[in-house]
N, C-alpha and C. Protein backbone atom coordinates (compact mmCIF):
# COMPACT_ATOMS: atom_id res chain seq x y z
N MET A 1 55.23 116.59 100.04
CA MET A 1 56.11 117.09 98.97
C MET A 1 56.23 118.60 99.09
N LYS A 2 57.46 119.11 99.25
CA LYS A 2 57.68 120.53 99.40
C LYS A 2 57.83 121.18 98.03
N GLN A 3 57.08 122.25 97.84
CA GLN A 3 57.14 122.95 96.57
C GLN A 3 57.31 124.45 96.80
N TYR A 4 57.94 125.10 95.81
CA TYR A 4 58.02 126.55 95.84
C TYR A 4 56.68 127.12 95.38
N THR A 5 56.23 128.13 96.05
CA THR A 5 54.98 128.79 95.66
C THR A 5 55.18 129.53 94.35
N LYS A 6 54.23 129.40 93.45
CA LYS A 6 54.30 130.09 92.17
C LYS A 6 54.04 131.59 92.38
N THR A 7 54.94 132.40 91.86
CA THR A 7 54.79 133.85 91.92
C THR A 7 55.06 134.41 90.53
N SER A 8 54.92 135.72 90.38
CA SER A 8 55.20 136.34 89.08
C SER A 8 56.67 136.19 88.72
N LEU A 9 57.53 135.98 89.72
CA LEU A 9 58.96 135.85 89.46
C LEU A 9 59.35 134.48 88.95
N ASN A 10 58.85 133.41 89.56
CA ASN A 10 59.30 132.06 89.20
C ASN A 10 58.30 131.27 88.37
N LYS A 11 57.12 131.81 88.11
CA LYS A 11 56.10 131.07 87.37
C LYS A 11 56.54 130.86 85.93
N VAL A 12 56.43 129.62 85.47
CA VAL A 12 56.75 129.26 84.08
C VAL A 12 55.49 129.49 83.24
N SER A 13 55.57 130.39 82.28
CA SER A 13 54.41 130.71 81.45
C SER A 13 54.39 129.90 80.16
N ARG A 14 55.49 129.92 79.44
CA ARG A 14 55.58 129.15 78.20
C ARG A 14 55.93 127.70 78.54
N GLY A 15 55.16 126.77 78.02
CA GLY A 15 55.41 125.36 78.32
C GLY A 15 55.15 125.04 79.78
N ALA A 16 54.06 125.58 80.30
CA ALA A 16 53.74 125.39 81.72
C ALA A 16 53.56 123.92 82.10
N ASN A 17 53.24 123.08 81.11
CA ASN A 17 53.07 121.65 81.39
C ASN A 17 54.40 120.98 81.74
N ARG A 18 55.50 121.66 81.45
CA ARG A 18 56.82 121.12 81.77
C ARG A 18 57.42 121.76 83.03
N ALA A 19 56.66 122.59 83.66
CA ALA A 19 57.15 123.31 84.83
C ALA A 19 57.26 122.38 86.04
N VAL A 20 58.29 122.63 86.84
CA VAL A 20 58.52 121.88 88.07
C VAL A 20 58.77 122.88 89.20
N TYR A 21 58.06 122.69 90.31
CA TYR A 21 58.24 123.55 91.48
C TYR A 21 58.65 122.74 92.71
N ASP A 22 58.76 121.44 92.52
CA ASP A 22 59.14 120.55 93.62
C ASP A 22 60.59 120.81 94.02
N LYS A 23 60.83 121.06 95.29
CA LYS A 23 62.17 121.43 95.77
C LYS A 23 63.18 120.30 95.59
N ASP A 24 62.77 119.06 95.87
CA ASP A 24 63.70 117.95 95.73
C ASP A 24 64.13 117.75 94.28
N GLN A 25 63.20 117.89 93.35
CA GLN A 25 63.53 117.72 91.94
C GLN A 25 64.43 118.86 91.45
N ILE A 26 64.15 120.06 91.90
CA ILE A 26 64.99 121.20 91.54
C ILE A 26 66.39 121.02 92.10
N ASN A 27 66.48 120.56 93.35
CA ASN A 27 67.81 120.33 93.95
C ASN A 27 68.57 119.24 93.21
N SER A 28 67.87 118.24 92.71
CA SER A 28 68.55 117.17 91.97
C SER A 28 69.14 117.70 90.67
N ILE A 29 68.48 118.67 90.04
CA ILE A 29 69.01 119.30 88.83
C ILE A 29 70.25 120.12 89.18
N LEU A 30 70.18 120.86 90.29
CA LEU A 30 71.33 121.65 90.73
C LEU A 30 72.51 120.74 91.07
N ASP A 31 72.25 119.65 91.76
CA ASP A 31 73.33 118.76 92.21
C ASP A 31 73.95 117.97 91.07
N ALA A 32 73.22 117.81 89.98
CA ALA A 32 73.75 117.07 88.83
C ALA A 32 74.67 117.94 87.98
N GLY A 33 74.71 119.24 88.26
CA GLY A 33 75.55 120.14 87.49
C GLY A 33 76.73 120.62 88.31
N PHE A 34 77.56 121.44 87.69
CA PHE A 34 78.68 122.05 88.39
C PHE A 34 78.86 123.50 87.99
N ILE A 35 78.34 123.86 86.80
CA ILE A 35 78.44 125.23 86.31
C ILE A 35 77.04 125.85 86.24
N GLY A 36 76.90 127.00 86.87
CA GLY A 36 75.64 127.73 86.79
C GLY A 36 75.87 129.07 86.11
N PHE A 37 74.87 129.57 85.41
CA PHE A 37 74.97 130.87 84.76
C PHE A 37 74.37 131.92 85.68
N VAL A 38 75.25 132.81 86.14
CA VAL A 38 74.86 133.82 87.12
C VAL A 38 74.67 135.15 86.39
N THR A 39 73.53 135.79 86.62
CA THR A 39 73.22 137.04 85.94
C THR A 39 73.35 138.21 86.91
N TYR A 40 74.03 139.25 86.45
CA TYR A 40 74.15 140.44 87.28
C TYR A 40 74.12 141.68 86.39
N ASN A 41 74.02 142.84 87.02
CA ASN A 41 73.95 144.09 86.29
C ASN A 41 75.20 144.91 86.60
N PHE A 42 75.92 145.30 85.54
CA PHE A 42 77.13 146.11 85.72
C PHE A 42 76.97 147.42 84.96
N GLU A 43 76.85 148.49 85.71
CA GLU A 43 76.70 149.82 85.14
C GLU A 43 75.59 149.87 84.09
N GLY A 44 74.47 149.22 84.43
CA GLY A 44 73.30 149.24 83.57
C GLY A 44 73.28 148.20 82.48
N THR A 45 74.33 147.39 82.39
CA THR A 45 74.39 146.35 81.36
C THR A 45 74.23 144.97 81.99
N PRO A 46 73.24 144.18 81.56
CA PRO A 46 73.10 142.82 82.09
C PRO A 46 74.18 141.91 81.55
N ILE A 47 74.79 141.12 82.43
CA ILE A 47 75.86 140.20 82.05
C ILE A 47 75.57 138.84 82.67
N SER A 48 75.82 137.78 81.93
CA SER A 48 75.65 136.42 82.43
C SER A 48 76.99 135.71 82.36
N ILE A 49 77.41 135.14 83.49
CA ILE A 49 78.73 134.51 83.60
C ILE A 49 78.58 133.08 84.11
N PRO A 50 79.24 132.10 83.47
CA PRO A 50 79.24 130.73 84.02
C PRO A 50 80.16 130.65 85.22
N MET A 51 79.66 130.06 86.31
CA MET A 51 80.42 129.98 87.55
C MET A 51 80.28 128.59 88.18
N ALA A 52 81.38 128.12 88.77
CA ALA A 52 81.30 126.92 89.59
C ALA A 52 80.53 127.24 90.86
N TYR A 53 79.85 126.25 91.41
CA TYR A 53 79.05 126.50 92.60
C TYR A 53 78.98 125.24 93.45
N GLY A 54 78.48 125.42 94.65
CA GLY A 54 78.17 124.29 95.52
C GLY A 54 76.86 124.59 96.22
N ARG A 55 76.18 123.57 96.68
CA ARG A 55 74.89 123.77 97.36
C ARG A 55 74.87 123.05 98.70
N ILE A 56 74.41 123.75 99.71
CA ILE A 56 74.10 123.15 101.01
C ILE A 56 72.69 123.58 101.38
N ASP A 57 71.80 122.62 101.45
CA ASP A 57 70.38 122.89 101.75
C ASP A 57 69.82 123.90 100.75
N ASP A 58 69.36 125.05 101.21
CA ASP A 58 68.76 126.03 100.29
C ASP A 58 69.70 127.20 100.01
N THR A 59 70.99 126.95 100.11
CA THR A 59 71.98 127.99 99.85
C THR A 59 72.98 127.54 98.78
N ILE A 60 73.20 128.41 97.80
CA ILE A 60 74.22 128.18 96.77
C ILE A 60 75.41 129.08 97.07
N TYR A 61 76.61 128.50 96.99
CA TYR A 61 77.82 129.25 97.27
C TYR A 61 78.62 129.49 95.99
N LEU A 62 79.12 130.73 95.85
CA LEU A 62 80.00 131.11 94.75
C LEU A 62 81.26 131.70 95.35
N HIS A 63 82.37 131.63 94.63
CA HIS A 63 83.60 132.20 95.17
C HIS A 63 84.46 132.80 94.07
N GLY A 64 85.35 133.68 94.49
CA GLY A 64 86.26 134.31 93.55
C GLY A 64 87.17 135.27 94.28
N SER A 65 87.86 136.08 93.52
CA SER A 65 88.74 137.09 94.10
C SER A 65 87.92 138.15 94.82
N LYS A 66 88.52 138.79 95.80
CA LYS A 66 87.83 139.88 96.50
C LYS A 66 87.62 141.09 95.59
N LYS A 67 88.27 141.07 94.42
CA LYS A 67 88.07 142.15 93.45
C LYS A 67 87.17 141.70 92.30
N ASN A 68 86.58 140.53 92.43
CA ASN A 68 85.73 139.99 91.37
C ASN A 68 84.55 140.91 91.11
N ARG A 69 84.47 141.42 89.88
CA ARG A 69 83.45 142.40 89.53
C ARG A 69 82.03 141.86 89.70
N MET A 70 81.85 140.63 89.30
CA MET A 70 80.52 140.04 89.39
C MET A 70 80.06 139.87 90.83
N LEU A 71 80.94 139.30 91.67
CA LEU A 71 80.56 139.06 93.06
C LEU A 71 80.28 140.38 93.78
N LEU A 72 81.09 141.40 93.52
CA LEU A 72 80.88 142.69 94.14
C LEU A 72 79.56 143.31 93.68
N ALA A 73 79.24 143.12 92.40
CA ALA A 73 77.97 143.65 91.88
C ALA A 73 76.79 142.92 92.52
N LEU A 74 76.91 141.60 92.69
CA LEU A 74 75.84 140.84 93.33
C LEU A 74 75.61 141.30 94.76
N LEU A 75 76.70 141.56 95.47
CA LEU A 75 76.56 142.01 96.85
C LEU A 75 75.91 143.39 96.91
N ALA A 76 76.23 144.23 95.93
CA ALA A 76 75.62 145.56 95.89
C ALA A 76 74.14 145.47 95.56
N GLN A 77 73.78 144.53 94.67
CA GLN A 77 72.39 144.35 94.28
C GLN A 77 71.59 143.61 95.35
N GLU A 78 72.26 142.76 96.09
CA GLU A 78 71.68 141.97 97.20
C GLU A 78 70.73 140.87 96.74
N THR A 79 70.52 140.73 95.44
CA THR A 79 69.70 139.65 94.90
C THR A 79 70.36 139.10 93.65
N ALA A 80 70.02 137.88 93.29
CA ALA A 80 70.60 137.27 92.10
C ALA A 80 69.75 136.10 91.63
N SER A 81 70.00 135.68 90.41
CA SER A 81 69.41 134.45 89.90
C SER A 81 70.51 133.61 89.27
N VAL A 82 70.36 132.30 89.37
CA VAL A 82 71.31 131.35 88.80
C VAL A 82 70.53 130.30 88.03
N THR A 83 71.00 129.97 86.84
CA THR A 83 70.36 128.94 86.02
C THR A 83 71.34 127.81 85.73
N VAL A 84 70.87 126.59 85.91
CA VAL A 84 71.64 125.38 85.59
C VAL A 84 70.84 124.57 84.58
N MET A 85 71.51 124.12 83.53
CA MET A 85 70.79 123.40 82.48
C MET A 85 71.58 122.19 82.02
N HIS A 86 70.88 121.09 81.78
CA HIS A 86 71.47 119.86 81.26
C HIS A 86 70.80 119.52 79.93
N LEU A 87 71.59 119.36 78.88
CA LEU A 87 71.07 118.98 77.57
C LEU A 87 71.07 117.46 77.48
N ASP A 88 69.89 116.88 77.33
CA ASP A 88 69.75 115.42 77.33
C ASP A 88 69.52 114.81 75.95
N GLY A 89 69.17 115.63 74.97
CA GLY A 89 68.94 115.06 73.65
C GLY A 89 68.47 116.09 72.64
N LEU A 90 68.73 115.81 71.36
CA LEU A 90 68.21 116.63 70.27
C LEU A 90 66.93 115.98 69.76
N VAL A 91 65.90 116.76 69.63
CA VAL A 91 64.61 116.26 69.14
C VAL A 91 64.46 116.71 67.69
N LEU A 92 64.60 115.76 66.77
CA LEU A 92 64.58 116.06 65.35
C LEU A 92 63.23 115.68 64.77
N ALA A 93 62.46 116.68 64.43
CA ALA A 93 61.09 116.46 63.96
C ALA A 93 61.04 116.44 62.44
N ARG A 94 59.83 116.34 61.92
CA ARG A 94 59.63 116.32 60.47
C ARG A 94 59.55 117.73 59.90
N SER A 95 59.51 118.71 60.78
CA SER A 95 59.50 120.11 60.35
C SER A 95 60.46 120.87 61.24
N GLY A 96 60.99 121.97 60.72
CA GLY A 96 61.87 122.79 61.52
C GLY A 96 61.16 123.40 62.71
N PHE A 97 59.87 123.68 62.53
CA PHE A 97 59.09 124.32 63.60
C PHE A 97 59.06 123.46 64.86
N HIS A 98 59.02 122.15 64.70
CA HIS A 98 58.87 121.26 65.85
C HIS A 98 60.19 120.65 66.33
N HIS A 99 61.32 121.10 65.79
CA HIS A 99 62.60 120.69 66.36
C HIS A 99 62.72 121.25 67.78
N SER A 100 63.30 120.46 68.66
CA SER A 100 63.40 120.88 70.06
C SER A 100 64.58 120.16 70.70
N VAL A 101 64.67 120.23 72.00
CA VAL A 101 65.68 119.49 72.76
C VAL A 101 65.03 118.92 74.00
N ASN A 102 65.53 117.80 74.46
CA ASN A 102 65.18 117.29 75.78
C ASN A 102 66.19 117.85 76.77
N TYR A 103 65.72 118.30 77.89
CA TYR A 103 66.58 119.02 78.81
C TYR A 103 66.00 119.02 80.23
N ARG A 104 66.86 119.41 81.17
CA ARG A 104 66.45 119.71 82.55
C ARG A 104 67.09 121.04 82.90
N SER A 105 66.28 122.00 83.28
CA SER A 105 66.84 123.29 83.66
C SER A 105 66.18 123.78 84.94
N ALA A 106 66.95 124.47 85.75
CA ALA A 106 66.43 125.04 86.99
C ALA A 106 66.95 126.46 87.13
N THR A 107 66.08 127.37 87.52
CA THR A 107 66.46 128.74 87.80
C THR A 107 66.07 129.08 89.22
N VAL A 108 67.05 129.55 89.98
CA VAL A 108 66.79 129.89 91.38
C VAL A 108 66.97 131.39 91.57
N PHE A 109 66.22 131.93 92.51
CA PHE A 109 66.28 133.35 92.84
C PHE A 109 66.53 133.47 94.34
N GLY A 110 67.31 134.46 94.73
CA GLY A 110 67.56 134.59 96.15
C GLY A 110 68.29 135.85 96.55
N THR A 111 68.54 135.95 97.83
CA THR A 111 69.27 137.08 98.39
C THR A 111 70.75 136.72 98.51
N VAL A 112 71.60 137.71 98.33
CA VAL A 112 73.05 137.48 98.31
C VAL A 112 73.72 138.20 99.47
N THR A 113 74.56 137.46 100.18
CA THR A 113 75.34 138.05 101.27
C THR A 113 76.76 137.50 101.22
N ALA A 114 77.69 138.25 101.76
CA ALA A 114 79.07 137.79 101.86
C ALA A 114 79.20 136.85 103.05
N VAL A 115 79.98 135.79 102.89
CA VAL A 115 80.23 134.86 103.99
C VAL A 115 81.45 135.36 104.75
N GLU A 116 81.24 135.80 105.96
CA GLU A 116 82.31 136.40 106.75
C GLU A 116 82.92 135.45 107.76
N ALA A 117 82.09 134.64 108.43
CA ALA A 117 82.59 133.75 109.48
C ALA A 117 83.54 132.72 108.88
N SER A 118 84.72 132.57 109.47
CA SER A 118 85.77 131.71 108.92
C SER A 118 85.30 130.26 108.75
N LYS A 119 84.64 129.74 109.77
CA LYS A 119 84.22 128.34 109.70
C LYS A 119 83.20 128.12 108.59
N THR A 120 82.24 129.05 108.46
CA THR A 120 81.22 128.95 107.41
C THR A 120 81.86 129.10 106.04
N LYS A 121 82.83 129.99 105.94
CA LYS A 121 83.53 130.22 104.68
C LYS A 121 84.29 128.97 104.26
N GLU A 122 84.98 128.33 105.19
CA GLU A 122 85.71 127.10 104.87
C GLU A 122 84.74 125.99 104.46
N THR A 123 83.61 125.89 105.14
CA THR A 123 82.59 124.90 104.79
C THR A 123 82.07 125.13 103.38
N ALA A 124 81.89 126.40 103.03
CA ALA A 124 81.41 126.74 101.69
C ALA A 124 82.42 126.37 100.62
N LEU A 125 83.70 126.66 100.87
CA LEU A 125 84.75 126.32 99.90
C LEU A 125 84.89 124.81 99.75
N LYS A 126 84.78 124.10 100.85
CA LYS A 126 84.80 122.63 100.81
C LYS A 126 83.63 122.12 99.98
N CYS A 127 82.48 122.74 100.16
CA CYS A 127 81.28 122.35 99.41
C CYS A 127 81.49 122.50 97.92
N ILE A 128 82.11 123.61 97.50
CA ILE A 128 82.33 123.85 96.08
C ILE A 128 83.30 122.83 95.49
N VAL A 129 84.41 122.56 96.21
CA VAL A 129 85.40 121.59 95.73
C VAL A 129 84.80 120.19 95.68
N ASP A 130 84.09 119.81 96.73
CA ASP A 130 83.51 118.46 96.77
C ASP A 130 82.32 118.32 95.83
N HIS A 131 81.74 119.45 95.41
CA HIS A 131 80.68 119.38 94.41
C HIS A 131 81.28 119.04 93.05
N MET A 132 82.53 119.48 92.83
CA MET A 132 83.24 119.12 91.60
C MET A 132 83.50 117.62 91.57
N ILE A 133 84.05 117.10 92.65
CA ILE A 133 84.30 115.67 92.76
C ILE A 133 84.25 115.30 94.24
N PRO A 134 83.36 114.43 94.64
CA PRO A 134 83.17 114.12 96.07
C PRO A 134 84.45 113.64 96.76
N ASN A 135 84.56 114.05 98.03
CA ASN A 135 85.65 113.61 98.93
C ASN A 135 87.03 114.12 98.50
N ARG A 136 87.07 115.22 97.78
CA ARG A 136 88.34 115.77 97.31
C ARG A 136 89.01 116.67 98.35
N TRP A 137 88.22 117.51 99.00
CA TRP A 137 88.76 118.56 99.86
C TRP A 137 89.68 118.03 100.95
N ASP A 138 89.29 116.97 101.61
CA ASP A 138 90.03 116.49 102.77
C ASP A 138 91.40 115.93 102.42
N LEU A 139 91.67 115.67 101.14
CA LEU A 139 92.97 115.15 100.72
C LEU A 139 93.91 116.23 100.20
N LEU A 140 93.45 117.47 100.20
CA LEU A 140 94.23 118.55 99.61
C LEU A 140 95.10 119.26 100.64
N ARG A 141 96.10 119.97 100.13
CA ARG A 141 96.86 120.86 101.00
C ARG A 141 95.92 121.92 101.55
N PRO A 142 95.94 122.18 102.84
CA PRO A 142 95.07 123.23 103.40
C PRO A 142 95.37 124.58 102.78
N MET A 143 94.34 125.41 102.64
CA MET A 143 94.53 126.76 102.12
C MET A 143 95.42 127.55 103.07
N SER A 144 96.30 128.35 102.51
CA SER A 144 97.11 129.23 103.34
C SER A 144 96.24 130.40 103.82
N THR A 145 96.71 131.08 104.84
CA THR A 145 95.98 132.24 105.34
C THR A 145 95.84 133.29 104.26
N LYS A 146 96.91 133.47 103.45
CA LYS A 146 96.87 134.44 102.37
C LYS A 146 95.81 134.07 101.34
N GLU A 147 95.75 132.79 100.95
CA GLU A 147 94.76 132.34 99.97
C GLU A 147 93.35 132.51 100.52
N PHE A 148 93.19 132.12 101.78
CA PHE A 148 91.86 132.18 102.41
C PHE A 148 91.37 133.62 102.48
N ASN A 149 92.24 134.52 102.87
CA ASN A 149 91.84 135.92 103.03
C ASN A 149 91.62 136.61 101.69
N ALA A 150 92.25 136.10 100.64
CA ALA A 150 92.10 136.71 99.32
C ALA A 150 90.85 136.23 98.59
N THR A 151 90.17 135.24 99.16
CA THR A 151 89.00 134.64 98.51
C THR A 151 87.71 135.23 99.07
N LEU A 152 86.85 135.65 98.17
CA LEU A 152 85.53 136.15 98.53
C LEU A 152 84.51 135.05 98.28
N VAL A 153 83.72 134.74 99.28
CA VAL A 153 82.65 133.74 99.15
C VAL A 153 81.32 134.43 99.39
N VAL A 154 80.39 134.20 98.48
CA VAL A 154 79.04 134.77 98.65
C VAL A 154 78.04 133.63 98.74
N ALA A 155 77.01 133.88 99.51
CA ALA A 155 75.93 132.90 99.70
C ALA A 155 74.67 133.43 99.05
N LEU A 156 74.08 132.63 98.18
CA LEU A 156 72.79 132.96 97.60
C LEU A 156 71.74 132.10 98.30
N LYS A 157 70.96 132.72 99.15
CA LYS A 157 69.90 132.02 99.88
C LYS A 157 68.69 131.92 98.96
N ILE A 158 68.35 130.71 98.56
CA ILE A 158 67.25 130.51 97.60
C ILE A 158 65.92 130.86 98.28
N THR A 159 65.22 131.83 97.71
CA THR A 159 63.90 132.19 98.22
C THR A 159 62.78 131.60 97.37
N THR A 160 63.06 131.42 96.09
CA THR A 160 62.09 130.76 95.22
C THR A 160 62.83 130.21 94.00
N ALA A 161 62.19 129.31 93.30
CA ALA A 161 62.83 128.67 92.15
C ALA A 161 61.78 127.96 91.31
N SER A 162 62.17 127.59 90.12
CA SER A 162 61.33 126.76 89.26
C SER A 162 62.24 126.03 88.29
N ALA A 163 61.70 124.99 87.69
CA ALA A 163 62.46 124.21 86.71
C ALA A 163 61.56 123.90 85.53
N LYS A 164 62.19 123.56 84.41
CA LYS A 164 61.48 123.04 83.24
C LYS A 164 62.20 121.78 82.79
N VAL A 165 61.40 120.79 82.46
CA VAL A 165 61.96 119.51 82.04
C VAL A 165 61.21 119.03 80.80
N ARG A 166 61.96 118.71 79.76
CA ARG A 166 61.37 118.05 78.59
C ARG A 166 62.04 116.71 78.45
N ALA A 167 61.25 115.65 78.47
CA ALA A 167 61.75 114.29 78.29
C ALA A 167 60.72 113.53 77.45
N GLU A 168 60.58 113.98 76.21
CA GLU A 168 59.51 113.47 75.36
C GLU A 168 60.03 113.06 73.99
N ASP A 169 59.16 112.38 73.27
CA ASP A 169 59.45 112.00 71.89
C ASP A 169 59.18 113.20 70.99
N VAL A 170 59.32 113.00 69.71
CA VAL A 170 59.00 114.04 68.72
C VAL A 170 57.52 114.37 68.79
N ILE A 171 57.20 115.64 68.71
CA ILE A 171 55.81 116.08 68.65
C ILE A 171 55.61 116.78 67.31
N ASP A 172 54.99 116.08 66.39
CA ASP A 172 54.77 116.60 65.04
C ASP A 172 53.29 116.84 64.78
N GLU A 173 53.02 117.59 63.72
CA GLU A 173 51.64 117.74 63.27
C GLU A 173 51.14 116.39 62.74
N LYS A 174 49.88 116.07 63.01
CA LYS A 174 49.33 114.79 62.56
C LYS A 174 49.45 114.63 61.05
N LYS A 175 49.26 115.72 60.33
CA LYS A 175 49.32 115.63 58.86
C LYS A 175 50.73 115.36 58.35
N ASP A 176 51.73 115.56 59.21
CA ASP A 176 53.11 115.34 58.79
C ASP A 176 53.62 113.94 59.11
N MET A 177 52.87 113.18 59.88
CA MET A 177 53.36 111.91 60.38
C MET A 177 53.69 110.91 59.27
N ALA A 178 53.02 111.02 58.14
CA ALA A 178 53.24 110.07 57.04
C ALA A 178 54.31 110.54 56.06
N LEU A 179 54.90 111.69 56.30
CA LEU A 179 55.92 112.19 55.38
C LEU A 179 57.16 111.28 55.41
N PRO A 180 57.83 111.11 54.28
CA PRO A 180 59.02 110.24 54.22
C PRO A 180 60.27 110.96 54.73
N ILE A 181 60.18 111.47 55.94
CA ILE A 181 61.27 112.24 56.56
C ILE A 181 61.60 111.58 57.89
N TRP A 182 62.90 111.28 58.10
CA TRP A 182 63.29 110.66 59.37
C TRP A 182 63.09 111.64 60.52
N ALA A 183 62.57 111.11 61.62
CA ALA A 183 62.40 111.91 62.84
C ALA A 183 62.78 111.03 64.03
N GLY A 184 63.27 111.65 65.08
CA GLY A 184 63.64 110.87 66.26
C GLY A 184 64.45 111.69 67.25
N ILE A 185 65.02 110.99 68.22
CA ILE A 185 65.80 111.61 69.29
C ILE A 185 67.28 111.23 69.15
N VAL A 186 68.15 112.20 69.31
CA VAL A 186 69.59 111.94 69.41
C VAL A 186 69.97 112.18 70.87
N PRO A 187 70.10 111.10 71.67
CA PRO A 187 70.44 111.29 73.09
C PRO A 187 71.83 111.92 73.25
N ILE A 188 71.96 112.76 74.25
CA ILE A 188 73.23 113.39 74.57
C ILE A 188 73.55 113.15 76.04
N THR A 189 74.74 112.63 76.29
CA THR A 189 75.16 112.39 77.66
C THR A 189 76.56 112.96 77.86
N GLN A 190 76.87 113.31 79.09
CA GLN A 190 78.20 113.77 79.44
C GLN A 190 79.00 112.58 79.93
N VAL A 191 80.16 112.35 79.32
CA VAL A 191 80.95 111.15 79.60
C VAL A 191 82.24 111.54 80.34
N VAL A 192 82.54 110.80 81.40
CA VAL A 192 83.77 111.00 82.14
C VAL A 192 84.83 110.04 81.60
N ALA A 193 85.93 110.57 81.13
CA ALA A 193 87.02 109.74 80.60
C ALA A 193 87.99 109.37 81.72
N PRO A 194 88.84 108.38 81.49
CA PRO A 194 89.84 108.01 82.50
C PRO A 194 90.73 109.19 82.86
N PRO A 195 91.15 109.32 84.11
CA PRO A 195 91.97 110.46 84.54
C PRO A 195 93.36 110.43 83.91
N VAL A 196 93.92 111.61 83.68
CA VAL A 196 95.27 111.76 83.13
C VAL A 196 96.12 112.47 84.19
N SER A 197 97.12 111.81 84.71
CA SER A 197 97.95 112.39 85.77
C SER A 197 98.75 113.58 85.26
N ASP A 198 98.97 114.54 86.14
CA ASP A 198 99.76 115.71 85.81
C ASP A 198 101.16 115.30 85.40
N SER A 199 101.70 115.98 84.39
CA SER A 199 103.01 115.60 83.85
C SER A 199 104.15 115.80 84.86
N HIS A 200 103.92 116.63 85.87
CA HIS A 200 104.95 116.87 86.88
C HIS A 200 104.80 115.98 88.10
N LEU A 201 103.83 115.08 88.07
CA LEU A 201 103.55 114.22 89.23
C LEU A 201 104.60 113.13 89.37
N ASP A 202 104.98 112.87 90.59
CA ASP A 202 105.88 111.75 90.88
C ASP A 202 105.22 110.46 90.41
N SER A 203 105.96 109.67 89.67
CA SER A 203 105.39 108.45 89.08
C SER A 203 104.92 107.45 90.13
N LYS A 204 105.38 107.61 91.36
CA LYS A 204 104.96 106.71 92.43
C LYS A 204 103.58 107.04 92.98
N ILE A 205 103.09 108.23 92.66
CA ILE A 205 101.78 108.65 93.18
C ILE A 205 100.68 108.13 92.27
N GLN A 206 99.81 107.31 92.84
CA GLN A 206 98.74 106.69 92.08
C GLN A 206 97.47 107.56 92.11
N VAL A 207 96.62 107.35 91.14
CA VAL A 207 95.33 108.05 91.11
C VAL A 207 94.52 107.63 92.34
N PRO A 208 94.04 108.57 93.14
CA PRO A 208 93.32 108.22 94.37
C PRO A 208 91.97 107.55 94.11
N GLU A 209 91.51 106.84 95.10
CA GLU A 209 90.29 106.06 94.98
C GLU A 209 89.09 106.92 94.63
N HIS A 210 88.98 108.12 95.24
CA HIS A 210 87.79 108.94 94.98
C HIS A 210 87.73 109.42 93.53
N VAL A 211 88.90 109.59 92.89
CA VAL A 211 88.92 109.97 91.48
C VAL A 211 88.55 108.78 90.60
N LEU A 212 89.10 107.63 90.92
CA LEU A 212 88.76 106.41 90.17
C LEU A 212 87.27 106.10 90.25
N LYS A 213 86.73 106.27 91.46
CA LYS A 213 85.30 106.02 91.66
C LYS A 213 84.46 106.96 90.85
N TYR A 214 84.85 108.22 90.83
CA TYR A 214 84.12 109.22 90.05
C TYR A 214 84.14 108.88 88.57
N CYS A 215 85.28 108.34 88.11
CA CYS A 215 85.42 107.99 86.69
C CYS A 215 84.84 106.61 86.37
N GLY A 216 84.30 105.94 87.37
CA GLY A 216 83.70 104.63 87.16
C GLY A 216 84.72 103.54 86.93
N LEU A 217 85.91 103.69 87.53
CA LEU A 217 86.97 102.71 87.32
C LEU A 217 87.20 101.89 88.56
């Protein structure tokens, strides 16, 4: 089992019993999401921005305009962190103090570089699109040279990471267990609805198989 070494950077201090350093489990949390919160520093002010991403092995790819303030700041800083979180349930206890949530979260840290090689850049963009919905990229119109050249892709090479996972019942004080107050879990799931075709689409064009499959149809 491959694990990230605990350091002062990635060590989980609060709720250490919920800490995860296993690489496969952390990758599963990353792969189950599509939006990561990327933190950067702009003129001395910390800013966190939600960004679409894709992952190949131990590298996370982000993309945007070549004038994108965040991406340029990340390249100047040469390091970054990204957090992905899934809310799985509300934990409603008998006291406000013990209210919590069930969740899976992963925070990765790494070095940031610009992707310059054309083939690697195209692979990264394909990764991001296919991370949104598998097998999408190969059915799309190819990017024009103008679009390709206007797009900045950065690679975050993961050097260390950690995760926290809570998947538990209510944890109340023993003296509160007999109180006549309802307590329990409200599960939360993300639901994919049936696809809605674009209003300008030719009526003869059917929803493709990969979209139907993604929607469970």
